[in-house]
Amino acid sequence: EPADVMALCAAGNAALWVVAEGDHALGALVVEIIDYPRKRMARVVFAGGKDIRNWYAEADKAIEEWSRLWGCNGIAAEGRKGWARLTGGEEVGVILWREFAAHTSKEMH
């Protein structure tokens, strides 16, 4: 429910991303950071909107940059099988998982 999403974001446990064109919202994503025993992942909890194929790649790039700043090793998401085609993630049951390539110290400036 929207109230649950807002509570999650208000508590600082997730970030709400709004995709807009001018004054018009096209979509939204909610991303939380999950600390697993050996990895830190940005997890897309909710995503949806109008014409998602037109804006998802750009939103994904922004979320990847943001999650790297927070020390994440990759992005995880749960959803329908069709999300694997859209995100380029690997289907592992119902979880889509895409890890970032390793970086050298020169790339971390």
N, C-alpha and C. Protein backbone atom coordinates (compact mmCIF):
# COMPACT_ATOMS: atom_id res chain seq x y z
N GLU A 1 0.84 -1.18 0.00
CA GLU A 1 0.00 0.00 0.00
C GLU A 1 0.89 1.26 0.00
N PRO A 2 0.42 2.35 -0.59
CA PRO A 2 1.22 3.59 -0.61
C PRO A 2 1.66 4.04 0.77
N ALA A 3 0.82 3.89 1.76
CA ALA A 3 1.20 4.30 3.13
C ALA A 3 2.38 3.50 3.65
N ASP A 4 2.44 2.22 3.29
CA ASP A 4 3.56 1.37 3.72
C ASP A 4 4.86 1.81 3.05
N VAL A 5 4.76 2.13 1.77
CA VAL A 5 5.94 2.59 1.03
C VAL A 5 6.44 3.89 1.63
N MET A 6 5.54 4.82 1.89
CA MET A 6 5.94 6.11 2.46
C MET A 6 6.55 5.94 3.84
N ALA A 7 6.02 5.02 4.64
CA ALA A 7 6.57 4.77 5.98
C ALA A 7 7.99 4.20 5.87
N LEU A 8 8.19 3.30 4.91
CA LEU A 8 9.52 2.72 4.69
C LEU A 8 10.51 3.80 4.32
N CYS A 9 10.11 4.70 3.43
CA CYS A 9 10.99 5.80 3.00
C CYS A 9 11.19 6.82 4.12
N ALA A 10 10.13 7.16 4.83
CA ALA A 10 10.23 8.14 5.91
C ALA A 10 11.14 7.66 7.03
N ALA A 11 11.19 6.35 7.24
CA ALA A 11 12.05 5.79 8.29
C ALA A 11 13.52 5.77 7.86
N GLY A 12 13.78 6.13 6.60
CA GLY A 12 15.16 6.15 6.12
C GLY A 12 15.66 4.80 5.65
N ASN A 13 14.75 3.85 5.51
CA ASN A 13 15.15 2.51 5.10
C ASN A 13 15.08 2.29 3.59
N ALA A 14 14.56 3.25 2.86
CA ALA A 14 14.45 3.13 1.41
C ALA A 14 14.39 4.52 0.79
N ALA A 15 14.64 4.56 -0.51
CA ALA A 15 14.57 5.82 -1.25
C ALA A 15 13.50 5.68 -2.33
N LEU A 16 12.69 6.71 -2.47
CA LEU A 16 11.68 6.77 -3.51
C LEU A 16 12.24 7.54 -4.68
N TRP A 17 12.28 6.93 -5.84
CA TRP A 17 12.76 7.55 -7.07
C TRP A 17 11.55 7.83 -7.95
N VAL A 18 11.39 9.06 -8.39
CA VAL A 18 10.30 9.43 -9.27
C VAL A 18 10.88 9.79 -10.63
N VAL A 19 10.36 9.18 -11.67
CA VAL A 19 10.79 9.45 -13.03
C VAL A 19 9.79 10.42 -13.62
N ALA A 20 10.28 11.56 -14.10
CA ALA A 20 9.38 12.59 -14.60
C ALA A 20 9.87 13.14 -15.93
N GLU A 21 8.92 13.63 -16.67
CA GLU A 21 9.21 14.37 -17.90
C GLU A 21 8.48 15.69 -17.75
N GLY A 22 9.26 16.75 -17.51
CA GLY A 22 8.63 18.03 -17.20
C GLY A 22 7.89 17.92 -15.87
N ASP A 23 6.63 18.30 -15.87
CA ASP A 23 5.80 18.23 -14.65
C ASP A 23 5.02 16.93 -14.54
N HIS A 24 5.27 15.98 -15.43
CA HIS A 24 4.49 14.74 -15.47
C HIS A 24 5.29 13.56 -14.96
N ALA A 25 4.77 12.89 -13.94
CA ALA A 25 5.40 11.69 -13.42
C ALA A 25 5.14 10.54 -14.39
N LEU A 26 6.20 9.85 -14.78
CA LEU A 26 6.08 8.70 -15.67
C LEU A 26 6.15 7.38 -14.92
N GLY A 27 6.82 7.39 -13.78
CA GLY A 27 6.98 6.16 -13.03
C GLY A 27 7.65 6.41 -11.70
N ALA A 28 7.77 5.35 -10.94
CA ALA A 28 8.42 5.44 -9.63
C ALA A 28 9.06 4.10 -9.29
N LEU A 29 10.12 4.19 -8.50
CA LEU A 29 10.81 3.01 -8.00
C LEU A 29 11.12 3.24 -6.53
N VAL A 30 11.08 2.19 -5.75
CA VAL A 30 11.49 2.26 -4.35
C VAL A 30 12.68 1.31 -4.20
N VAL A 31 13.78 1.87 -3.67
CA VAL A 31 15.03 1.11 -3.57
C VAL A 31 15.49 1.13 -2.11
N GLU A 32 15.81 -0.06 -1.60
CA GLU A 32 16.37 -0.15 -0.25
C GLU A 32 17.73 -0.82 -0.33
N ILE A 33 18.56 -0.56 0.67
CA ILE A 33 19.87 -1.19 0.73
C ILE A 33 19.80 -2.33 1.72
N ILE A 34 20.24 -3.51 1.24
CA ILE A 34 20.21 -4.72 2.06
C ILE A 34 21.64 -5.16 2.30
N ASP A 35 21.98 -5.39 3.57
CA ASP A 35 23.29 -5.92 3.91
C ASP A 35 23.17 -7.41 4.14
N TYR A 36 23.70 -8.18 3.17
CA TYR A 36 23.78 -9.63 3.30
C TYR A 36 25.10 -9.94 4.01
N PRO A 37 25.31 -11.17 4.46
CA PRO A 37 26.56 -11.47 5.16
C PRO A 37 27.83 -11.13 4.36
N ARG A 38 27.80 -11.28 3.04
CA ARG A 38 29.01 -11.05 2.26
C ARG A 38 28.86 -9.99 1.18
N LYS A 39 27.70 -9.38 1.07
CA LYS A 39 27.48 -8.37 0.04
C LYS A 39 26.49 -7.32 0.54
N ARG A 40 26.60 -6.16 -0.04
CA ARG A 40 25.63 -5.09 0.17
C ARG A 40 24.97 -4.84 -1.18
N MET A 41 23.66 -4.95 -1.23
CA MET A 41 22.93 -4.83 -2.49
C MET A 41 21.87 -3.74 -2.39
N ALA A 42 21.67 -3.05 -3.50
CA ALA A 42 20.53 -2.14 -3.62
C ALA A 42 19.39 -3.00 -4.16
N ARG A 43 18.30 -3.05 -3.44
CA ARG A 43 17.17 -3.91 -3.82
C ARG A 43 16.01 -3.05 -4.29
N VAL A 44 15.59 -3.24 -5.52
CA VAL A 44 14.43 -2.53 -6.04
C VAL A 44 13.20 -3.27 -5.52
N VAL A 45 12.48 -2.61 -4.61
CA VAL A 45 11.33 -3.23 -3.96
C VAL A 45 10.08 -3.08 -4.82
N PHE A 46 9.88 -1.91 -5.38
CA PHE A 46 8.73 -1.63 -6.23
C PHE A 46 9.19 -0.82 -7.44
N ALA A 47 8.58 -1.08 -8.59
CA ALA A 47 8.86 -0.29 -9.79
C ALA A 47 7.64 -0.37 -10.69
N GLY A 48 7.30 0.74 -11.28
CA GLY A 48 6.19 0.73 -12.20
C GLY A 48 5.97 2.10 -12.80
N GLY A 49 5.11 2.15 -13.78
CA GLY A 49 4.79 3.42 -14.39
C GLY A 49 4.37 3.27 -15.84
N LYS A 50 4.28 4.39 -16.49
CA LYS A 50 3.84 4.47 -17.88
C LYS A 50 5.04 4.32 -18.81
N ASP A 51 4.90 3.52 -19.85
CA ASP A 51 5.95 3.35 -20.87
C ASP A 51 7.31 3.05 -20.26
N ILE A 52 7.35 2.10 -19.35
CA ILE A 52 8.57 1.81 -18.58
C ILE A 52 9.76 1.47 -19.47
N ARG A 53 9.51 0.86 -20.61
CA ARG A 53 10.63 0.52 -21.52
C ARG A 53 11.35 1.77 -22.02
N ASN A 54 10.66 2.90 -22.03
CA ASN A 54 11.25 4.14 -22.53
C ASN A 54 12.17 4.81 -21.52
N TRP A 55 12.00 4.54 -20.23
CA TRP A 55 12.81 5.25 -19.24
C TRP A 55 13.57 4.35 -18.28
N TYR A 56 13.33 3.06 -18.28
CA TYR A 56 13.94 2.20 -17.27
C TYR A 56 15.46 2.19 -17.34
N ALA A 57 16.04 2.13 -18.54
CA ALA A 57 17.51 2.06 -18.65
C ALA A 57 18.18 3.26 -18.00
N GLU A 58 17.62 4.45 -18.20
CA GLU A 58 18.19 5.65 -17.60
C GLU A 58 18.03 5.63 -16.07
N ALA A 59 16.87 5.19 -15.61
CA ALA A 59 16.64 5.09 -14.16
C ALA A 59 17.58 4.07 -13.54
N ASP A 60 17.77 2.94 -14.22
CA ASP A 60 18.66 1.89 -13.74
C ASP A 60 20.09 2.42 -13.60
N LYS A 61 20.53 3.19 -14.59
CA LYS A 61 21.87 3.77 -14.54
C LYS A 61 22.02 4.71 -13.33
N ALA A 62 21.01 5.54 -13.08
CA ALA A 62 21.06 6.46 -11.94
C ALA A 62 21.07 5.69 -10.62
N ILE A 63 20.27 4.64 -10.54
CA ILE A 63 20.23 3.83 -9.31
C ILE A 63 21.56 3.12 -9.11
N GLU A 64 22.15 2.64 -10.19
CA GLU A 64 23.46 1.99 -10.08
C GLU A 64 24.50 2.97 -9.55
N GLU A 65 24.55 4.18 -10.08
CA GLU A 65 25.50 5.18 -9.60
C GLU A 65 25.27 5.49 -8.13
N TRP A 66 24.01 5.67 -7.74
CA TRP A 66 23.65 5.96 -6.35
C TRP A 66 24.06 4.81 -5.44
N SER A 67 23.76 3.58 -5.87
CA SER A 67 24.07 2.44 -5.01
C SER A 67 25.57 2.22 -4.86
N ARG A 68 26.34 2.53 -5.89
CA ARG A 68 27.79 2.44 -5.76
C ARG A 68 28.30 3.43 -4.70
N LEU A 69 27.71 4.62 -4.67
CA LEU A 69 28.10 5.61 -3.65
C LEU A 69 27.84 5.10 -2.24
N TRP A 70 26.84 4.25 -2.09
CA TRP A 70 26.50 3.66 -0.80
C TRP A 70 27.23 2.35 -0.55
N GLY A 71 28.20 2.01 -1.38
CA GLY A 71 29.02 0.82 -1.18
C GLY A 71 28.37 -0.48 -1.58
N CYS A 72 27.38 -0.43 -2.45
CA CYS A 72 26.69 -1.66 -2.88
C CYS A 72 27.52 -2.41 -3.92
N ASN A 73 27.36 -3.73 -3.92
CA ASN A 73 28.04 -4.60 -4.87
C ASN A 73 27.20 -4.87 -6.12
N GLY A 74 25.93 -4.52 -6.09
CA GLY A 74 25.05 -4.77 -7.23
C GLY A 74 23.62 -4.39 -6.92
N ILE A 75 22.73 -4.77 -7.82
CA ILE A 75 21.32 -4.46 -7.68
C ILE A 75 20.54 -5.76 -7.72
N ALA A 76 19.60 -5.91 -6.81
CA ALA A 76 18.71 -7.07 -6.78
C ALA A 76 17.27 -6.57 -6.92
N ALA A 77 16.42 -7.42 -7.47
CA ALA A 77 15.01 -7.06 -7.61
C ALA A 77 14.18 -8.34 -7.59
N GLU A 78 12.97 -8.20 -7.17
CA GLU A 78 12.02 -9.30 -7.22
C GLU A 78 10.87 -8.89 -8.11
N GLY A 79 10.40 -9.80 -8.93
CA GLY A 79 9.30 -9.46 -9.82
C GLY A 79 8.98 -10.56 -10.79
N ARG A 80 8.16 -10.23 -11.77
CA ARG A 80 7.76 -11.18 -12.81
C ARG A 80 8.96 -11.54 -13.69
N LYS A 81 8.84 -12.67 -14.39
CA LYS A 81 9.92 -13.12 -15.27
C LYS A 81 10.28 -12.08 -16.32
N GLY A 82 9.33 -11.30 -16.80
CA GLY A 82 9.59 -10.29 -17.82
C GLY A 82 10.60 -9.24 -17.40
N TRP A 83 10.78 -9.03 -16.09
CA TRP A 83 11.75 -8.05 -15.61
C TRP A 83 13.18 -8.46 -15.99
N ALA A 84 13.44 -9.75 -16.11
CA ALA A 84 14.79 -10.20 -16.47
C ALA A 84 15.18 -9.65 -17.84
N ARG A 85 14.25 -9.68 -18.79
CA ARG A 85 14.54 -9.14 -20.13
C ARG A 85 14.77 -7.63 -20.08
N LEU A 86 13.99 -6.93 -19.29
CA LEU A 86 14.09 -5.47 -19.23
C LEU A 86 15.35 -5.02 -18.52
N THR A 87 15.71 -5.70 -17.43
CA THR A 87 16.81 -5.24 -16.59
C THR A 87 18.17 -5.81 -16.97
N GLY A 88 18.17 -6.89 -17.72
CA GLY A 88 19.44 -7.56 -18.01
C GLY A 88 19.93 -8.36 -16.83
N GLY A 89 19.08 -8.56 -15.85
CA GLY A 89 19.44 -9.35 -14.67
C GLY A 89 19.36 -10.83 -14.96
N GLU A 90 19.98 -11.62 -14.11
CA GLU A 90 19.96 -13.07 -14.21
C GLU A 90 18.81 -13.60 -13.38
N GLU A 91 17.97 -14.46 -13.97
CA GLU A 91 16.85 -15.02 -13.23
C GLU A 91 17.35 -16.10 -12.29
N VAL A 92 17.13 -15.89 -11.01
CA VAL A 92 17.51 -16.84 -9.96
C VAL A 92 16.24 -17.05 -9.14
N GLY A 93 15.43 -18.00 -9.54
CA GLY A 93 14.12 -18.14 -8.91
C GLY A 93 13.29 -16.93 -9.29
N VAL A 94 12.83 -16.20 -8.32
CA VAL A 94 12.06 -14.99 -8.60
C VAL A 94 12.86 -13.74 -8.31
N ILE A 95 14.15 -13.89 -8.05
CA ILE A 95 14.99 -12.74 -7.73
C ILE A 95 15.90 -12.45 -8.91
N LEU A 96 15.97 -11.20 -9.33
CA LEU A 96 16.89 -10.78 -10.39
C LEU A 96 18.12 -10.18 -9.73
N TRP A 97 19.28 -10.63 -10.15
CA TRP A 97 20.53 -10.27 -9.47
C TRP A 97 21.54 -9.85 -10.52
N ARG A 98 22.09 -8.65 -10.39
CA ARG A 98 23.13 -8.17 -11.31
C ARG A 98 24.21 -7.53 -10.49
N GLU A 99 25.41 -8.10 -10.52
CA GLU A 99 26.51 -7.56 -9.74
C GLU A 99 27.33 -6.59 -10.57
N PHE A 100 27.96 -5.65 -9.92
CA PHE A 100 28.84 -4.69 -10.58
C PHE A 100 30.18 -5.35 -10.84
N ALA A 101 30.85 -4.92 -11.87
CA ALA A 101 32.19 -5.39 -12.16
C ALA A 101 33.14 -4.84 -11.09
N ALA A 102 34.20 -5.57 -10.82
CA ALA A 102 35.19 -5.11 -9.84
C ALA A 102 35.86 -3.83 -10.35
N HIS A 103 36.26 -2.97 -9.43
CA HIS A 103 36.90 -1.70 -9.81
C HIS A 103 38.33 -1.67 -9.32
N THR A 104 39.14 -0.98 -10.08
CA THR A 104 40.50 -0.72 -9.63
C THR A 104 40.48 0.60 -8.88
N SER A 105 41.52 0.90 -8.16
CA SER A 105 41.55 2.13 -7.39
C SER A 105 41.48 3.37 -8.28
N LYS A 106 41.99 3.28 -9.52
CA LYS A 106 41.92 4.41 -10.44
C LYS A 106 40.48 4.76 -10.81
N GLU A 107 39.60 3.73 -10.86
CA GLU A 107 38.21 3.96 -11.24
C GLU A 107 37.38 4.53 -10.09
N MET A 108 37.89 4.54 -8.91
CA MET A 108 37.11 4.93 -7.73
C MET A 108 37.33 6.39 -7.35
N HIS A 109 37.61 7.28 -8.28
CA HIS A 109 37.85 8.68 -7.94
C HIS A 109 36.60 9.47 -7.89
